[in-house]
Protein backbone atom coordinates (compact mmCIF):
# COMPACT_ATOMS: atom_id res chain seq x y z
CA MET A 1 34.12 40.88 -18.22
CA GLU A 2 33.93 37.28 -17.08
CA PHE A 3 34.88 36.41 -13.53
CA SER A 4 37.89 34.35 -14.45
CA LYS A 5 39.13 37.11 -16.71
CA LEU A 6 38.90 39.47 -13.79
CA MET A 7 40.65 37.16 -11.38
CA GLY A 8 43.39 36.70 -14.37
CA TYR A 9 43.99 40.30 -14.31
CA ALA A 10 44.06 40.59 -10.51
CA CYS A 11 46.69 38.04 -10.28
CA MET A 12 48.84 39.78 -12.93
CA SER A 13 48.55 42.96 -11.05
CA GLY A 14 49.42 41.54 -7.52
CA GLY A 15 52.10 39.66 -9.01
CA ALA A 16 53.47 42.76 -10.41
CA LEU A 17 53.06 44.54 -7.17
CA LEU A 18 54.43 41.92 -5.05
CA PRO A 19 58.13 42.14 -5.64
CA VAL A 20 57.95 46.17 -5.47
CA LEU A 21 56.27 45.86 -1.87
CA ALA A 22 58.91 43.40 -0.92
CA ALA A 23 61.75 45.50 -2.05
CA TYR A 24 60.39 48.34 -0.16
CA ALA A 25 59.85 46.37 3.11
CA ARG A 26 63.38 44.89 2.76
CA HIS A 27 64.97 48.40 2.19
CA LEU A 28 62.83 49.69 5.36
CA SER A 29 64.27 46.62 7.34
CA LYS A 30 68.00 47.70 6.31
CA SER A 31 67.84 51.00 8.20
CA GLN A 32 67.65 48.51 11.45
CA ARG A 33 71.47 48.38 10.94
CA ASP A 34 71.65 52.05 12.32
CA TRP A 35 69.63 51.24 15.24
CA VAL A 36 71.28 51.31 18.73
CA LYS A 37 73.13 48.20 19.81
CA THR A 38 72.70 47.12 23.38
CA SER A 39 73.04 44.01 25.51
CA GLY A 40 70.28 41.44 26.33
CA LYS A 41 69.46 38.04 27.47
CA VAL A 42 67.41 35.37 26.08
CA ILE A 43 64.55 34.46 28.34
CA SER A 44 63.02 31.55 26.48
CA SER A 45 63.35 30.08 23.18
CA CYS A 46 61.50 27.20 21.56
CA VAL A 47 59.72 26.10 18.39
CA VAL A 48 55.91 26.81 18.11
CA PHE A 49 53.52 25.40 15.63
CA GLU A 50 50.49 27.68 14.77
CA ASP A 51 48.24 28.13 11.73
CA GLU A 52 50.02 25.36 9.89
CA SER A 53 53.13 26.89 10.31
CA TYR A 54 56.34 26.49 12.53
CA ARG A 55 58.31 29.47 13.98
CA ALA A 56 60.73 30.27 16.45
CA ASP A 57 59.36 32.01 19.76
CA VAL A 58 62.37 33.81 21.16
CA ARG A 59 61.96 36.05 23.98
CA TYR A 60 64.54 38.43 25.38
CA ARG A 61 65.10 41.18 27.65
CA TYR A 62 67.09 44.33 27.15
CA ILE A 63 67.85 47.66 28.82
CA TYR A 64 67.70 50.86 26.85
CA ASP A 65 68.14 54.27 28.27
CA GLY A 66 67.65 52.93 31.82
CA ARG A 67 64.35 50.95 31.23
CA GLU A 68 63.99 47.11 30.74
CA TYR A 69 62.05 46.13 27.60
CA PHE A 70 61.09 42.74 26.28
CA GLY A 71 61.37 41.57 22.49
CA THR A 72 60.33 38.71 20.52
CA LYS A 73 61.24 39.56 17.20
CA VAL A 74 64.33 37.85 16.09
CA ARG A 75 64.25 39.71 12.50
CA SER A 76 61.92 41.57 10.39
CA LEU A 77 59.88 40.01 7.30
CA GLU A 78 60.64 36.34 8.75
CA LEU A 79 59.22 33.76 6.47
CA LEU A 80 57.20 30.89 8.02
CA TYR A 81 57.91 27.44 7.08
CA ASN A 82 55.69 24.02 7.16
CA PHE A 83 58.51 22.21 8.67
CA LYS A 84 60.42 22.86 11.86
CA GLY A 85 64.28 23.03 10.37
CA PRO A 86 64.37 26.72 10.03
CA ALA A 87 62.67 27.46 13.41
CA LYS A 88 64.92 24.83 14.98
CA LYS A 89 68.00 26.55 13.77
CA THR A 90 67.05 30.01 14.97
CA CYS A 91 66.24 28.47 18.44
CA ALA A 92 69.67 26.80 18.30
CA ARG A 93 71.27 30.26 17.77
CA TYR A 94 69.35 31.91 20.78
CA PRO A 95 69.16 29.14 23.73
CA ASN A 96 67.75 30.21 27.16
CA GLU A 97 70.15 32.48 29.01
CA ARG A 98 72.19 33.37 26.20
CA ASP A 99 73.70 36.85 26.32
CA VAL A 100 72.78 38.68 22.73
CA ASP A 101 73.23 41.74 20.99
CA VAL A 102 69.90 43.75 20.66
CA PHE A 103 69.05 46.46 17.95
CA VAL A 104 66.64 49.06 19.32
CA ASN A 105 65.02 51.82 17.34
CA PRO A 106 65.85 54.87 19.32
CA VAL A 107 62.61 56.77 18.37
CA GLU A 108 60.55 53.99 19.52
CA PRO A 109 62.62 51.75 21.98
CA SER A 110 60.04 49.03 22.42
CA ARG A 111 60.78 47.84 18.82
CA ALA A 112 63.90 45.80 18.67
CA VAL A 113 65.36 42.93 16.67
CA LEU A 114 68.33 40.51 17.21
CA GLU A 115 69.26 40.36 13.68
CA PRO A 116 69.01 43.79 11.68
CA GLY A 117 67.93 43.70 8.11
CA GLY A 118 65.27 41.64 7.55
CA ASP A 119 65.07 37.96 6.21
CA PRO A 120 67.20 37.80 3.04
CA LYS A 121 64.99 35.04 1.71
CA VAL A 122 61.73 37.48 1.39
CA LEU A 123 62.68 39.18 -1.82
CA PRO A 124 63.54 35.79 -3.66
CA ALA A 125 60.28 34.19 -2.28
CA ALA A 126 58.16 37.25 -3.44
CA LEU A 127 59.83 37.17 -6.87
CA ILE A 128 58.84 33.49 -7.32
CA THR A 129 55.43 34.05 -5.81
CA ALA A 130 55.08 36.97 -8.50
CA PHE A 131 55.97 34.86 -11.50
CA VAL A 132 53.55 32.09 -10.33
CA LEU A 133 50.68 34.95 -9.83
CA ILE A 134 51.38 36.32 -13.34
CA ALA A 135 51.52 33.25 -14.85
CA ILE A 136 48.10 31.99 -13.61
CA GLY A 137 46.56 35.56 -14.35
CA TRP A 138 48.05 35.11 -18.12
CA VAL A 139 46.28 31.70 -18.18
CA LEU A 140 43.11 32.92 -16.80
CA VAL A 141 43.01 35.94 -19.35
CA GLU A 142 44.57 34.12 -22.40
CA GLY A 143 42.12 31.20 -21.74
CA GLN A 144 39.14 33.21 -21.98
CA SER A 145 40.24 35.23 -24.88
CA SER A 146 41.11 32.07 -26.94
CA SER A 147 37.68 30.65 -26.07
CA SER A 148 35.66 33.83 -27.26
CA PRO A 149 34.02 33.78 -30.32
């Protein structure tokens, strides 16, 4: 089997699997809505550029079961962008010294989020990426099939 045909099958397999994984991760994130809600305070909030992407760096503290914890996760499955807009919007929602609700995993209190349920854009992004991967895979496989004697 030629390398490009093998890559085509790999792309199609990845494209088929990606939405399933994204849906499962989204399902797990929705369980955060059942976590314990407690009060917290934003310690710092700023936009950070790293690895060619912008992200909101929001740090907060909260007390759960009499113990102080520190968190950095606004929401699970958060998408990264190569432009500042989304990160700036997140930082604007969580300015320094703001009182916030923190959703704490009661089994593992060091895990917490400010917005339970994960990023709602993950599944649509996974579907678009899956379509592109399957299309690339199809072209690679069919391109090899039609050029074979």
